[in-house]
C-alpha atoms as a PDB file:
ATOM      1  CA  UNK A   1     153.387  84.840 -42.683  1.00  0.00           C
ATOM      2  CA  UNK A   2     155.302  87.429 -44.647  1.00  0.00           C
ATOM      3  CA  UNK A   3     156.523  90.807 -43.451  1.00  0.00           C
ATOM      4  CA  UNK A   4     157.192  94.067 -45.252  1.00  0.00           C
ATOM      5  CA  UNK A   5     157.877  97.755 -44.699  1.00  0.00           C
ATOM      6  CA  UNK A   6     155.647 100.483 -46.125  1.00  0.00           C
ATOM      7  CA  UNK A   7     157.054 103.996 -46.465  1.00  0.00           C
ATOM      8  CA  UNK A   8     154.466 106.629 -45.555  1.00  0.00           C
ATOM      9  CA  UNK A   9     154.825 110.378 -44.964  1.00  0.00           C
ATOM     10  CA  UNK A  10     156.826 110.788 -41.765  1.00  0.00           C
ATOM     11  CA  UNK A  11     157.330 107.132 -40.921  1.00  0.00           C
ATOM     12  CA  UNK A  12     158.040 103.575 -42.051  1.00  0.00           C
ATOM     13  CA  UNK A  13     155.350 101.022 -41.186  1.00  0.00           C
ATOM     14  CA  UNK A  14     156.199  97.413 -40.405  1.00  0.00           C
ATOM     15  CA  UNK A  15     153.360  95.032 -41.305  1.00  0.00           C
ATOM     16  CA  UNK A  16     152.610  91.316 -41.375  1.00  0.00           C
ATOM     17  CA  UNK A  17     150.401  89.378 -43.776  1.00  0.00           C
ATOM     18  CA  UNK A  18     148.908  85.932 -43.186  1.00  0.00           C
ATOM     19  CA  UNK A  19     146.692  83.782 -45.379  1.00  0.00           C
ATOM     20  CA  UNK A  20     144.783  84.580 -48.561  1.00  0.00           C
ATOM     21  CA  UNK A  21     141.370  85.888 -49.495  1.00  0.00           C
ATOM     22  CA  UNK A  22     139.523  89.130 -48.709  1.00  0.00           C
ATOM     23  CA  UNK A  23     141.516  91.526 -46.538  1.00  0.00           C
ATOM     24  CA  UNK A  24     140.940  91.676 -42.776  1.00  0.00           C
ATOM     25  CA  UNK A  25     142.880  94.501 -41.104  1.00  0.00           C
ATOM     26  CA  UNK A  26     143.487  94.336 -37.336  1.00  0.00           C
ATOM     27  CA  UNK A  27     144.373  97.725 -35.803  1.00  0.00           C
ATOM     28  CA  UNK A  28     146.001  97.571 -32.378  1.00  0.00           C
ATOM     29  CA  UNK A  29     145.879 100.187 -29.633  1.00  0.00           C
ATOM     30  CA  UNK A  30     147.817 101.085 -26.509  1.00  0.00           C
ATOM     31  CA  UNK A  31     151.379  99.788 -26.458  1.00  0.00           C
ATOM     32  CA  UNK A  32     150.582  96.752 -28.592  1.00  0.00           C
ATOM     33  CA  UNK A  33     152.137  96.067 -31.963  1.00  0.00           C
ATOM     34  CA  UNK A  34     151.375  93.473 -34.640  1.00  0.00           C
ATOM     35  CA  UNK A  35     152.390  90.627 -32.313  1.00  0.00           C
ATOM     36  CA  UNK A  36     149.462  91.422 -30.028  1.00  0.00           C
ATOM     37  CA  UNK A  37     147.097  90.025 -32.671  1.00  0.00           C
ATOM     38  CA  UNK A  38     149.155  86.966 -33.628  1.00  0.00           C
ATOM     39  CA  UNK A  39     146.803  84.445 -31.999  1.00  0.00           C
ATOM     40  CA  UNK A  40     143.641  86.144 -33.260  1.00  0.00           C
ATOM     41  CA  UNK A  41     145.045  86.425 -36.791  1.00  0.00           C
ATOM     42  CA  UNK A  42     145.741  82.707 -37.021  1.00  0.00           C
ATOM     43  CA  UNK A  43     142.029  81.932 -36.639  1.00  0.00           C
ATOM     44  CA  UNK A  44     141.250  83.834 -39.860  1.00  0.00           C
ATOM     45  CA  UNK A  45     144.240  83.044 -42.072  1.00  0.00           C
ATOM     46  CA  UNK A  46     142.461  80.108 -43.743  1.00  0.00           C
ATOM     47  CA  UNK A  47     139.951  82.435 -45.411  1.00  0.00           C
ATOM     48  CA  UNK A  48     141.292  86.003 -45.169  1.00  0.00           C
ATOM     49  CA  UNK A  49     144.380  87.938 -46.027  1.00  0.00           C
ATOM     50  CA  UNK A  50     144.947  89.041 -42.418  1.00  0.00           C
ATOM     51  CA  UNK A  51     147.012  92.204 -42.013  1.00  0.00           C
ATOM     52  CA  UNK A  52     148.534  93.440 -38.750  1.00  0.00           C
ATOM     53  CA  UNK A  53     151.001  96.287 -38.329  1.00  0.00           C
ATOM     54  CA  UNK A  54     152.983  98.346 -35.853  1.00  0.00           C
ATOM     55  CA  UNK A  55     151.510 101.842 -35.665  1.00  0.00           C
ATOM     56  CA  UNK A  56     153.866 104.723 -36.421  1.00  0.00           C
ATOM     57  CA  UNK A  57     156.238 105.531 -33.572  1.00  0.00           C
ATOM     58  CA  UNK A  58     155.780 102.073 -32.040  1.00  0.00           C
ATOM     59  CA  UNK A  59     158.079  99.033 -32.088  1.00  0.00           C
ATOM     60  CA  UNK A  60     159.348  98.416 -35.638  1.00  0.00           C
ATOM     61  CA  UNK A  61     157.637 101.460 -37.248  1.00  0.00           C
ATOM     62  CA  UNK A  62     159.985 104.381 -36.556  1.00  0.00           C
ATOM     63  CA  UNK A  63     159.188 108.014 -37.215  1.00  0.00           C
ATOM     64  CA  UNK A  64     161.348 109.789 -39.789  1.00  0.00           C
ATOM     65  CA  UNK A  65     161.704 112.898 -37.645  1.00  0.00           C
ATOM     66  CA  UNK A  66     161.500 113.924 -33.988  1.00  0.00           C
ATOM     67  CA  UNK A  67     158.885 112.509 -31.652  1.00  0.00           C
ATOM     68  CA  UNK A  68     155.775 114.683 -31.486  1.00  0.00           C
ATOM     69  CA  UNK A  69     152.101 114.480 -30.448  1.00  0.00           C
ATOM     70  CA  UNK A  70     150.185 112.136 -32.699  1.00  0.00           C
ATOM     71  CA  UNK A  71     146.901 112.657 -34.509  1.00  0.00           C
ATOM     72  CA  UNK A  72     144.162 110.143 -35.150  1.00  0.00           C
ATOM     73  CA  UNK A  73     143.827 111.449 -38.711  1.00  0.00           C
ATOM     74  CA  UNK A  74     147.466 110.706 -39.532  1.00  0.00           C
ATOM     75  CA  UNK A  75     147.124 107.227 -38.063  1.00  0.00           C
ATOM     76  CA  UNK A  76     143.944 106.530 -40.020  1.00  0.00           C
ATOM     77  CA  UNK A  77     145.695 107.668 -43.196  1.00  0.00           C
ATOM     78  CA  UNK A  78     148.396 105.125 -42.341  1.00  0.00           C
ATOM     79  CA  UNK A  79     145.727 102.417 -42.099  1.00  0.00           C
ATOM     80  CA  UNK A  80     144.313 103.490 -45.465  1.00  0.00           C
ATOM     81  CA  UNK A  81     147.773 103.278 -47.031  1.00  0.00           C
ATOM     82  CA  UNK A  82     148.310  99.802 -45.600  1.00  0.00           C
ATOM     83  CA  UNK A  83     144.989  98.712 -47.113  1.00  0.00           C
ATOM     84  CA  UNK A  84     145.917 100.228 -50.481  1.00  0.00           C
ATOM     85  CA  UNK A  85     149.241  98.386 -50.406  1.00  0.00           C
ATOM     86  CA  UNK A  86     147.277  95.143 -50.092  1.00  0.00           C
ATOM     87  CA  UNK A  87     145.096  95.992 -53.091  1.00  0.00           C
ATOM     88  CA  UNK A  88     142.004  97.147 -51.215  1.00  0.00           C
ATOM     89  CA  UNK A  89     139.736  99.367 -53.327  1.00  0.00           C
ATOM     90  CA  UNK A  90     136.110 100.486 -53.355  1.00  0.00           C
ATOM     91  CA  UNK A  91     135.368  97.427 -55.489  1.00  0.00           C
ATOM     92  CA  UNK A  92     137.052  95.107 -52.995  1.00  0.00           C
ATOM     93  CA  UNK A  93     136.772  96.709 -49.530  1.00  0.00           C
ATOM     94  CA  UNK A  94     138.291  95.222 -46.387  1.00  0.00           C
ATOM     95  CA  UNK A  95     136.858  94.169 -43.068  1.00  0.00           C
ATOM     96  CA  UNK A  96     138.476  95.937 -40.112  1.00  0.00           C
ATOM     97  CA  UNK A  97     138.727  95.207 -36.394  1.00  0.00           C
ATOM     98  CA  UNK A  98     140.168  97.762 -33.980  1.00  0.00           C
ATOM     99  CA  UNK A  99     140.672  97.630 -30.220  1.00  0.00           C
ATOM    100  CA  UNK A 100     140.967 100.586 -27.839  1.00  0.00           C
ATOM    101  CA  UNK A 101     142.766 103.490 -29.548  1.00  0.00           C
ATOM    102  CA  UNK A 102     142.980 101.210 -32.586  1.00  0.00           C
ATOM    103  CA  UNK A 103     139.179 101.277 -32.660  1.00  0.00           C
ATOM    104  CA  UNK A 104     139.249 105.085 -32.724  1.00  0.00           C
ATOM    105  CA  UNK A 105     141.726 105.005 -35.600  1.00  0.00           C
ATOM    106  CA  UNK A 106     139.468 102.571 -37.437  1.00  0.00           C
ATOM    107  CA  UNK A 107     136.422 104.792 -36.869  1.00  0.00           C
ATOM    108  CA  UNK A 108     138.276 107.732 -38.381  1.00  0.00           C
ATOM    109  CA  UNK A 109     139.326 105.485 -41.264  1.00  0.00           C
ATOM    110  CA  UNK A 110     135.661 104.804 -41.992  1.00  0.00           C
ATOM    111  CA  UNK A 111     134.675 108.465 -41.590  1.00  0.00           C
ATOM    112  CA  UNK A 112     137.352 109.650 -44.029  1.00  0.00           C
ATOM    113  CA  UNK A 113     137.863 106.619 -46.313  1.00  0.00           C
ATOM    114  CA  UNK A 114     134.486 104.823 -46.161  1.00  0.00           C
ATOM    115  CA  UNK A 115     134.894 103.168 -49.543  1.00  0.00           C
ATOM    116  CA  UNK A 116     137.762 101.043 -48.198  1.00  0.00           C
ATOM    117  CA  UNK A 117     135.843  99.321 -45.395  1.00  0.00           C
ATOM    118  CA  UNK A 118     132.935  96.881 -45.670  1.00  0.00           C
ATOM    119  CA  UNK A 119     132.508  96.112 -41.956  1.00  0.00           C
ATOM    120  CA  UNK A 120     134.181  97.694 -38.931  1.00  0.00           C
ATOM    121  CA  UNK A 121     134.067  96.161 -35.464  1.00  0.00           C
ATOM    122  CA  UNK A 122     135.155  98.881 -33.013  1.00  0.00           C
ATOM    123  CA  UNK A 123     136.011  97.154 -29.730  1.00  0.00           C
ATOM    124  CA  UNK A 124     135.909  99.400 -26.634  1.00  0.00           C
ATOM    125  CA  UNK A 125     136.960 102.732 -28.181  1.00  0.00           C
ATOM    126  CA  UNK A 126     137.945 105.225 -25.425  1.00  0.00           C
ATOM    127  CA  UNK A 127     135.889 108.057 -26.902  1.00  0.00           C
ATOM    128  CA  UNK A 128     135.815 110.178 -23.762  1.00  0.00           C
ATOM    129  CA  UNK A 129     134.322 113.141 -25.621  1.00  0.00           C
ATOM    130  CA  UNK A 130     131.075 111.176 -26.104  1.00  0.00           C
ATOM    131  CA  UNK A 131     130.575 110.723 -22.358  1.00  0.00           C
ATOM    132  CA  UNK A 132     128.447 112.898 -20.083  1.00  0.00           C
ATOM    133  CA  UNK A 133     131.415 113.186 -17.699  1.00  0.00           C
ATOM    134  CA  UNK A 134     133.791 114.328 -20.456  1.00  0.00           C
ATOM    135  CA  UNK A 135     134.976 117.231 -18.295  1.00  0.00           C
ATOM    136  CA  UNK A 136     136.211 114.758 -15.688  1.00  0.00           C
ATOM    137  CA  UNK A 137     138.218 112.894 -18.324  1.00  0.00           C
ATOM    138  CA  UNK A 138     139.609 116.120 -19.787  1.00  0.00           C
ATOM    139  CA  UNK A 139     140.895 117.042 -16.328  1.00  0.00           C
ATOM    140  CA  UNK A 140     142.369 113.587 -15.764  1.00  0.00           C
ATOM    141  CA  UNK A 141     144.119 113.505 -19.129  1.00  0.00           C
ATOM    142  CA  UNK A 142     145.453 117.019 -18.555  1.00  0.00           C
ATOM    143  CA  UNK A 143     147.003 115.801 -15.301  1.00  0.00           C
ATOM    144  CA  UNK A 144     148.629 112.948 -17.230  1.00  0.00           C
ATOM    145  CA  UNK A 145     150.041 115.424 -19.754  1.00  0.00           C
ATOM    146  CA  UNK A 146     151.384 117.675 -17.012  1.00  0.00           C
ATOM    147  CA  UNK A 147     153.010 114.718 -15.236  1.00  0.00           C
ATOM    148  CA  UNK A 148     154.676 113.632 -18.463  1.00  0.00           C
ATOM    149  CA  UNK A 149     156.109 117.072 -19.090  1.00  0.00           C
ATOM    150  CA  UNK A 150     157.297 117.643 -15.514  1.00  0.00           C
ATOM    151  CA  UNK A 151     158.297 114.176 -14.289  1.00  0.00           C
ATOM    152  CA  UNK A 152     158.461 111.833 -17.274  1.00  0.00           C
ATOM    153  CA  UNK A 153     156.556 108.861 -18.679  1.00  0.00           C
ATOM    154  CA  UNK A 154     156.346 106.659 -15.589  1.00  0.00           C
ATOM    155  CA  UNK A 155     154.868 109.447 -13.484  1.00  0.00           C
ATOM    156  CA  UNK A 156     152.361 110.051 -16.284  1.00  0.00           C
ATOM    157  CA  UNK A 157     151.493 106.349 -16.443  1.00  0.00           C
ATOM    158  CA  UNK A 158     150.880 106.336 -12.689  1.00  0.00           C
ATOM    159  CA  UNK A 159     148.480 109.259 -13.129  1.00  0.00           C
ATOM    160  CA  UNK A 160     146.691 107.447 -15.942  1.00  0.00           C
ATOM    161  CA  UNK A 161     146.311 104.214 -13.977  1.00  0.00           C
ATOM    162  CA  UNK A 162     145.213 106.086 -10.864  1.00  0.00           C
ATOM    163  CA  UNK A 163     142.560 107.943 -12.840  1.00  0.00           C
ATOM    164  CA  UNK A 164     141.065 104.729 -14.178  1.00  0.00           C
ATOM    165  CA  UNK A 165     141.252 103.031 -10.759  1.00  0.00           C
ATOM    166  CA  UNK A 166     139.422 105.944  -9.119  1.00  0.00           C
ATOM    167  CA  UNK A 167     136.692 105.773 -11.759  1.00  0.00           C
ATOM    168  CA  UNK A 168     136.210 102.058 -11.043  1.00  0.00           C
ATOM    169  CA  UNK A 169     135.968 102.662  -7.327  1.00  0.00           C
ATOM    170  CA  UNK A 170     133.248 105.277  -7.939  1.00  0.00           C
ATOM    171  CA  UNK A 171     131.308 103.331 -10.560  1.00  0.00           C
ATOM    172  CA  UNK A 172     130.115  99.857 -11.529  1.00  0.00           C
ATOM    173  CA  UNK A 173     133.365  98.554 -12.978  1.00  0.00           C
ATOM    174  CA  UNK A 174     135.637  96.075 -11.187  1.00  0.00           C
ATOM    175  CA  UNK A 175     138.160  97.742  -8.881  1.00  0.00           C
ATOM    176  CA  UNK A 176     141.087  95.978 -10.475  1.00  0.00           C
ATOM    177  CA  UNK A 177     144.295  97.110 -12.125  1.00  0.00           C
ATOM    178  CA  UNK A 178     143.825  94.190 -14.529  1.00  0.00           C
ATOM    179  CA  UNK A 179     141.200  96.330 -16.282  1.00  0.00           C
ATOM    180  CA  UNK A 180     143.536  99.179 -17.206  1.00  0.00           C
ATOM    181  CA  UNK A 181     144.401  99.628 -20.893  1.00  0.00           C
ATOM    182  CA  UNK A 182     146.319  96.438 -21.654  1.00  0.00           C
ATOM    183  CA  UNK A 183     150.054  96.046 -21.884  1.00  0.00           C
ATOM    184  CA  UNK A 184     152.022  93.117 -23.240  1.00  0.00           C
ATOM    185  CA  UNK A 185     150.770  89.688 -22.192  1.00  0.00           C
ATOM    186  CA  UNK A 186     153.086  88.169 -19.606  1.00  0.00           C
ATOM    187  CA  UNK A 187     152.927  84.872 -21.507  1.00  0.00           C
ATOM    188  CA  UNK A 188     154.411  86.402 -24.658  1.00  0.00           C
ATOM    189  CA  UNK A 189     158.074  85.802 -25.365  1.00  0.00           C
ATOM    190  CA  UNK A 190     160.549  88.059 -23.584  1.00  0.00           C
ATOM    191  CA  UNK A 191     161.650  89.845 -26.756  1.00  0.00           C
ATOM    192  CA  UNK A 192     158.064  90.753 -27.677  1.00  0.00           C
ATOM    193  CA  UNK A 193     157.255  91.934 -24.152  1.00  0.00           C
ATOM    194  CA  UNK A 194     160.403  94.077 -24.017  1.00  0.00           C
ATOM    195  CA  UNK A 195     159.671  95.601 -27.436  1.00  0.00           C
ATOM    196  CA  UNK A 196     156.122  96.578 -26.503  1.00  0.00           C
ATOM    197  CA  UNK A 197     157.124  97.864 -23.078  1.00  0.00           C
ATOM    198  CA  UNK A 198     159.384 100.340 -24.870  1.00  0.00           C
ATOM    199  CA  UNK A 199     156.215 101.835 -26.379  1.00  0.00           C
ATOM    200  CA  UNK A 200     154.870 103.014 -23.010  1.00  0.00           C
ATOM    201  CA  UNK A 201     156.609 106.405 -23.055  1.00  0.00           C
ATOM    202  CA  UNK A 202     155.388 107.154 -26.593  1.00  0.00           C
ATOM    203  CA  UNK A 203     151.886 105.967 -25.715  1.00  0.00           C
ATOM    204  CA  UNK A 204     151.399 107.974 -22.532  1.00  0.00           C
ATOM    205  CA  UNK A 205     153.210 111.094 -23.682  1.00  0.00           C
ATOM    206  CA  UNK A 206     152.361 111.480 -27.348  1.00  0.00           C
ATOM    207  CA  UNK A 207     149.237 109.414 -27.996  1.00  0.00           C
ATOM    208  CA  UNK A 208     147.052 109.538 -24.882  1.00  0.00           C
ATOM    209  CA  UNK A 209     146.507 113.338 -24.693  1.00  0.00           C
ATOM    210  CA  UNK A 210     145.630 113.985 -28.372  1.00  0.00           C
ATOM    211  CA  UNK A 211     143.782 110.685 -28.839  1.00  0.00           C
ATOM    212  CA  UNK A 212     141.641 111.302 -25.741  1.00  0.00           C
ATOM    213  CA  UNK A 213     140.471 114.630 -27.206  1.00  0.00           C
ATOM    214  CA  UNK A 214     139.300 113.056 -30.471  1.00  0.00           C
ATOM    215  CA  UNK A 215     135.673 113.605 -31.439  1.00  0.00           C
ATOM    216  CA  UNK A 216     134.302 111.142 -34.010  1.00  0.00           C
ATOM    217  CA  UNK A 217     132.532 112.470 -37.077  1.00  0.00           C
ATOM    218  CA  UNK A 218     129.187 110.854 -36.326  1.00  0.00           C
ATOM    219  CA  UNK A 219     127.518 112.293 -39.421  1.00  0.00           C
ATOM    220  CA  UNK A 220     130.191 110.813 -41.689  1.00  0.00           C
ATOM    221  CA  UNK A 221     129.982 107.455 -39.916  1.00  0.00           C
ATOM    222  CA  UNK A 222     126.200 107.387 -40.278  1.00  0.00           C
ATOM    223  CA  UNK A 223     126.428 108.275 -43.982  1.00  0.00           C
ATOM    224  CA  UNK A 224     129.137 105.719 -44.763  1.00  0.00           C
ATOM    225  CA  UNK A 225     128.239 102.509 -46.613  1.00  0.00           C
ATOM    226  CA  UNK A 226     130.295 100.669 -43.990  1.00  0.00           C
ATOM    227  CA  UNK A 227     128.577  98.517 -41.397  1.00  0.00           C
ATOM    228  CA  UNK A 228     129.894  99.871 -38.075  1.00  0.00           C
ATOM    229  CA  UNK A 229     129.577  97.555 -35.056  1.00  0.00           C
ATOM    230  CA  UNK A 230     130.518  98.993 -31.641  1.00  0.00           C
ATOM    231  CA  UNK A 231     131.672  96.162 -29.384  1.00  0.00           C
ATOM    232  CA  UNK A 232     132.455  95.582 -25.708  1.00  0.00           C
ATOM    233  CA  UNK A 233     133.896  92.846 -23.525  1.00  0.00           C
ATOM    234  CA  UNK A 234     131.569  90.868 -21.280  1.00  0.00           C
ATOM    235  CA  UNK A 235     134.037  91.416 -18.425  1.00  0.00           C
ATOM    236  CA  UNK A 236     134.337  95.185 -18.852  1.00  0.00           C
ATOM    237  CA  UNK A 237     131.160  96.416 -17.166  1.00  0.00           C
ATOM    238  CA  UNK A 238     131.220 100.072 -16.212  1.00  0.00           C
ATOM    239  CA  UNK A 239     134.478 100.985 -17.928  1.00  0.00           C
ATOM    240  CA  UNK A 240     134.493 104.363 -19.727  1.00  0.00           C
ATOM    241  CA  UNK A 241     135.281 102.727 -23.081  1.00  0.00           C
ATOM    242  CA  UNK A 242     132.248 100.448 -22.611  1.00  0.00           C
ATOM    243  CA  UNK A 243     130.018 103.434 -21.922  1.00  0.00           C
ATOM    244  CA  UNK A 244     131.512 105.167 -24.969  1.00  0.00           C
ATOM    245  CA  UNK A 245     130.704 102.177 -27.172  1.00  0.00           C
ATOM    246  CA  UNK A 246     127.114 102.337 -25.930  1.00  0.00           C
ATOM    247  CA  UNK A 247     126.813 106.021 -26.755  1.00  0.00           C
ATOM    248  CA  UNK A 248     128.355 105.420 -30.173  1.00  0.00           C
ATOM    249  CA  UNK A 249     125.830 102.667 -30.908  1.00  0.00           C
ATOM    250  CA  UNK A 250     122.969 104.885 -29.784  1.00  0.00           C
ATOM    251  CA  UNK A 251     124.141 107.773 -31.960  1.00  0.00           C
ATOM    252  CA  UNK A 252     124.514 105.494 -34.984  1.00  0.00           C
ATOM    253  CA  UNK A 253     121.213 103.693 -34.388  1.00  0.00           C
ATOM    254  CA  UNK A 254     122.779 100.269 -34.043  1.00  0.00           C
ATOM    255  CA  UNK A 255     123.399  97.623 -31.364  1.00  0.00           C
ATOM    256  CA  UNK A 256     126.459  96.883 -29.242  1.00  0.00           C
ATOM    257  CA  UNK A 257     128.049  93.475 -29.790  1.00  0.00           C
ATOM    258  CA  UNK A 258     129.360  91.573 -26.751  1.00  0.00           C
ATOM    259  CA  UNK A 259     132.672  89.706 -26.896  1.00  0.00           C
ATOM    260  CA  UNK A 260     134.346  87.289 -24.476  1.00  0.00           C
ATOM    261  CA  UNK A 261     136.821  88.718 -21.976  1.00  0.00           C
ATOM    262  CA  UNK A 262     137.557  92.327 -21.157  1.00  0.00           C
ATOM    263  CA  UNK A 263     139.538  95.118 -22.825  1.00  0.00           C
ATOM    264  CA  UNK A 264     142.221  92.656 -23.911  1.00  0.00           C
ATOM    265  CA  UNK A 265     139.918  89.731 -24.623  1.00  0.00           C
ATOM    266  CA  UNK A 266     141.223  89.408 -28.197  1.00  0.00           C
ATOM    267  CA  UNK A 267     144.398  87.951 -26.634  1.00  0.00           C
ATOM    268  CA  UNK A 268     143.302  86.207 -23.451  1.00  0.00           C
ATOM    269  CA  UNK A 269     140.176  84.653 -25.001  1.00  0.00           C
ATOM    270  CA  UNK A 270     141.332  84.572 -28.615  1.00  0.00           C
ATOM    271  CA  UNK A 271     139.574  81.360 -29.657  1.00  0.00           C
ATOM    272  CA  UNK A 272     136.139  82.392 -28.386  1.00  0.00           C
ATOM    273  CA  UNK A 273     136.786  85.978 -29.445  1.00  0.00           C
ATOM    274  CA  UNK A 274     137.588  84.876 -32.998  1.00  0.00           C
ATOM    275  CA  UNK A 275     134.403  82.813 -33.188  1.00  0.00           C
ATOM    276  CA  UNK A 276     132.323  85.847 -32.247  1.00  0.00           C
ATOM    277  CA  UNK A 277     134.162  88.108 -34.683  1.00  0.00           C
ATOM    278  CA  UNK A 278     133.786  85.542 -37.456  1.00  0.00           C
ATOM    279  CA  UNK A 279     130.023  85.385 -36.844  1.00  0.00           C
ATOM    280  CA  UNK A 280     129.732  89.163 -37.110  1.00  0.00           C
ATOM    281  CA  UNK A 281     131.762  89.337 -40.310  1.00  0.00           C
ATOM    282  CA  UNK A 282     129.835  86.502 -41.934  1.00  0.00           C
ATOM    283  CA  UNK A 283     126.546  88.204 -41.044  1.00  0.00           C
ATOM    284  CA  UNK A 284     127.588  91.131 -43.233  1.00  0.00           C
ATOM    285  CA  UNK A 285     127.284  88.854 -46.270  1.00  0.00           C
END
């Protein structure tokens, strides 16, 4: 593995590169950074140039200026710049996998830079604006934003977790805190866990509200030459991001792909998860 820093407007992006071959970009979500995909990346390094990175404002990718609300479009431009730095062009497009908010970023990447992506697997994107109960989620996210402004990040995180727990109790999903948007794996080394835990305040205060309001450009996604595969975890029944993936597939006229595990299955079930992802990517030709 080699590491590097890419200067982009407003930030410096830390990224890691493993292996050789066509480019496979893994876009993380939540509080995760590049280390969250370390196990998954190793399964592809024998045949891909696997690229992982810390999103701007997280871990080792500091902002140049003051902290401010983030936009999906800026983050997808970051992903495009990372791909360009690795030599990705329309003649040699990359494959992309994104989880959670990373899946939303990857969808916007395809909508706005379709020539750079051959296949996108969008795993459990929390596209609340696609859901019939979008008003409920707007209200919940607004309460998170208010809590952040009045009482700080941990009060906001409590609101966020409580909102998801209440939805599980009312619906078909498991009533378990283990299903909330994932944080650092407890089995990771202490330094990695501590680094990603420091991302919580940025995540809940400056990413969750604007990211939750994002509306995908379905027309651009449908027109793109990219193969877009919405994906869900087999253990995530009833979750809002699972329902969103289903709506996305319906709108794009495609099928949902099932993966082992739940929202964080790429880490907890990385071997089986990698086998499923590999099958999907190979099917693209």
